[in-house]
Structures are given as structure tokens and as C-alpha cells.
């Protein structure tokens, strides 16, 4: 698993809800977007020396981001990050996330789409 070692400020951070595979419930997690990956934590990490390691990393290469309506979670505004290439080694090919309101969803989807586009262009160069 990658770990954030960069001192560069994140592009965006905040709480999102992550859908747990094979379950209906959502888990609230702290997400931090950097230039090539989206990291998530159980709670907002502190700037202390003993900052927590992320629970997971979502690489932003070869993915696309799209909003969707989740009929099981009417209180949240959902979007997903979908891998363009399925792999026998991946447990899932998409990650479903949600926000509390439409504006937050639009902001997250927009910055994620822009970041994915930049990652794709730099990988092709």
C-alpha cells in the first residue's frame, strides 16, 4: 500500500462515505486527494509525528469517475471510481463513494475527473 510522503498540500480532502463491498451500509472515512491517488483514513489524521497510515489507496491511473443514483442510499449523493481494466488480482473494479449533498458530490467528481485526466496525460507522455 502506498503512503503519503509528500509534503505538498492535498488537492482536496474531506469526509466521504465509502460503500463496503457485499454490504449495504456506508462507512464514513476521511479522504485525501493528491496528484495521483486518493487515500482514505478511518478518521482525519493529525499533523503529528505519529500520523496514521491510510486504510487504503485508490490509484487514479486507468479509471473514470461518474455520479450515479443509489436507490439503497437516498440520503446520500453517490459517485463511483471505476477501473478501465479488470484484473484477476483486484477484488473490485469500482469504488462507490457518497457525499451528504449534491454540491459536494459535484465538487468531488469534478476535481477527481480533472486529476484523472492529468494522470492519464502524464502516463502517456
Protein backbone atom coordinates (compact mmCIF):
# COMPACT_ATOMS: atom_id res chain seq x y z
CA UNK A 1 0.00 0.00 0.00
CA UNK A 2 1.27 3.48 -0.84
CA UNK A 3 1.82 6.01 1.87
CA UNK A 4 1.71 9.77 1.52
CA UNK A 5 5.26 11.00 1.91
CA UNK A 6 4.84 14.24 0.02
CA UNK A 7 4.76 17.50 1.92
CA UNK A 8 2.71 19.04 -0.90
CA UNK A 9 -0.75 20.11 0.20
CA UNK A 10 -3.59 17.87 -0.95
CA UNK A 11 -5.77 18.90 -3.88
CA UNK A 12 -8.86 18.20 -1.77
CA UNK A 13 -9.73 16.48 1.48
CA UNK A 14 -12.84 15.78 3.48
CA UNK A 15 -15.25 13.17 4.76
CA UNK A 16 -16.94 10.87 2.26
CA UNK A 17 -18.96 7.71 2.69
CA UNK A 18 -17.43 4.55 1.22
CA UNK A 19 -19.63 1.61 0.34
CA UNK A 20 -18.39 -1.62 1.83
CA UNK A 21 -18.34 -4.48 -0.71
CA UNK A 22 -21.01 -7.14 -0.12
CA UNK A 23 -22.83 -4.89 2.37
CA UNK A 24 -25.48 -2.22 2.09
CA UNK A 25 -24.03 0.19 4.62
CA UNK A 26 -21.67 3.10 4.09
CA UNK A 27 -18.64 3.87 6.25
CA UNK A 28 -17.65 7.46 6.88
CA UNK A 29 -13.97 7.94 6.03
CA UNK A 30 -11.56 10.87 5.69
CA UNK A 31 -10.34 11.15 2.07
CA UNK A 32 -7.25 12.99 0.86
CA UNK A 33 -6.70 13.61 -2.86
CA UNK A 34 -3.15 14.01 -4.11
CA UNK A 35 -1.91 14.31 -7.69
CA UNK A 36 -2.04 10.58 -8.50
CA UNK A 37 -4.10 8.85 -5.81
CA UNK A 38 -6.97 9.17 -3.37
CA UNK A 39 -6.11 8.00 0.17
CA UNK A 40 -8.62 7.21 2.87
CA UNK A 41 -8.41 7.01 6.64
CA UNK A 42 -10.68 5.89 9.45
CA UNK A 43 -10.59 9.45 10.79
CA UNK A 44 -8.96 12.75 9.96
CA UNK A 45 -5.20 12.32 10.54
CA UNK A 46 -3.29 14.83 12.60
CA UNK A 47 -0.07 16.54 11.58
CA UNK A 48 1.75 14.88 14.47
CA UNK A 49 4.79 12.69 14.07
CA UNK A 50 2.64 9.61 14.60
CA UNK A 51 0.11 10.41 11.88
CA UNK A 52 -1.95 7.39 10.96
CA UNK A 53 -1.31 5.45 7.80
CA UNK A 54 -4.17 5.34 5.29
CA UNK A 55 -6.58 2.42 5.38
CA UNK A 56 -6.42 2.30 1.61
CA UNK A 57 -5.31 3.92 -1.61
CA UNK A 58 -7.27 4.37 -4.81
CA UNK A 59 -4.83 4.79 -7.69
CA UNK A 60 -6.14 7.22 -10.29
CA UNK A 61 -4.49 5.69 -13.35
CA UNK A 62 -6.80 3.99 -15.88
CA UNK A 63 -10.03 4.89 -14.10
CA UNK A 64 -13.02 7.08 -14.76
CA UNK A 65 -15.33 8.87 -12.35
CA UNK A 66 -19.08 9.22 -12.68
CA UNK A 67 -22.02 10.20 -10.49
CA UNK A 68 -24.87 7.72 -10.06
CA UNK A 69 -28.15 7.40 -8.22
CA UNK A 70 -28.02 4.77 -5.49
CA UNK A 71 -31.54 3.53 -4.79
CA UNK A 72 -30.39 1.99 -1.47
CA UNK A 73 -28.98 5.24 -0.06
CA UNK A 74 -31.45 8.03 -0.77
CA UNK A 75 -29.89 10.31 1.88
CA UNK A 76 -26.54 10.44 0.11
CA UNK A 77 -25.30 11.61 -3.28
CA UNK A 78 -23.24 8.85 -4.84
CA UNK A 79 -20.43 8.60 -7.35
CA UNK A 80 -18.01 5.88 -8.31
CA UNK A 81 -14.43 5.44 -9.44
CA UNK A 82 -14.33 2.63 -11.99
CA UNK A 83 -11.25 0.79 -13.22
CA UNK A 84 -10.95 0.65 -17.03
CA UNK A 85 -9.08 -2.66 -16.77
CA UNK A 86 -10.43 -5.55 -14.76
CA UNK A 87 -7.76 -7.72 -13.22
CA UNK A 88 -7.80 -11.17 -11.69
CA UNK A 89 -5.85 -9.67 -8.77
CA UNK A 90 -8.31 -6.89 -7.98
CA UNK A 91 -11.08 -7.64 -5.53
CA UNK A 92 -13.27 -4.92 -7.03
CA UNK A 93 -13.32 -2.94 -10.24
CA UNK A 94 -15.10 0.07 -8.76
CA UNK A 95 -15.27 2.04 -5.55
CA UNK A 96 -18.58 3.63 -4.61
CA UNK A 97 -18.46 6.85 -2.61
CA UNK A 98 -21.09 9.33 -1.44
CA UNK A 99 -21.46 12.82 -0.03
CA UNK A 100 -24.14 14.47 2.08
CA UNK A 101 -25.27 16.87 -0.65
CA UNK A 102 -25.36 17.47 -4.39
CA UNK A 103 -22.85 20.37 -4.35
CA UNK A 104 -20.19 18.31 -2.55
CA UNK A 105 -20.69 15.45 -4.97
CA UNK A 106 -20.23 17.79 -7.94
CA UNK A 107 -17.04 19.28 -6.44
CA UNK A 108 -15.54 15.84 -5.73
CA UNK A 109 -16.47 14.42 -9.15
CA UNK A 110 -15.11 17.48 -10.93
CA UNK A 111 -11.72 17.54 -9.19
CA UNK A 112 -11.37 13.76 -9.47
CA UNK A 113 -12.11 13.88 -13.21
CA UNK A 114 -9.54 16.66 -13.67
CA UNK A 115 -6.95 14.74 -11.65
CA UNK A 116 -7.58 11.51 -13.59
CA UNK A 117 -7.16 13.42 -16.86
CA UNK A 118 -3.79 14.80 -15.69
CA UNK A 119 -2.62 11.36 -14.53
CA UNK A 120 -3.61 9.86 -17.88
CA UNK A 121 -1.79 12.57 -19.85
CA UNK A 122 1.40 12.25 -17.80
CA UNK A 123 1.36 8.45 -18.13
CA UNK A 124 1.05 8.76 -21.93
CA UNK A 125 3.96 11.21 -22.17
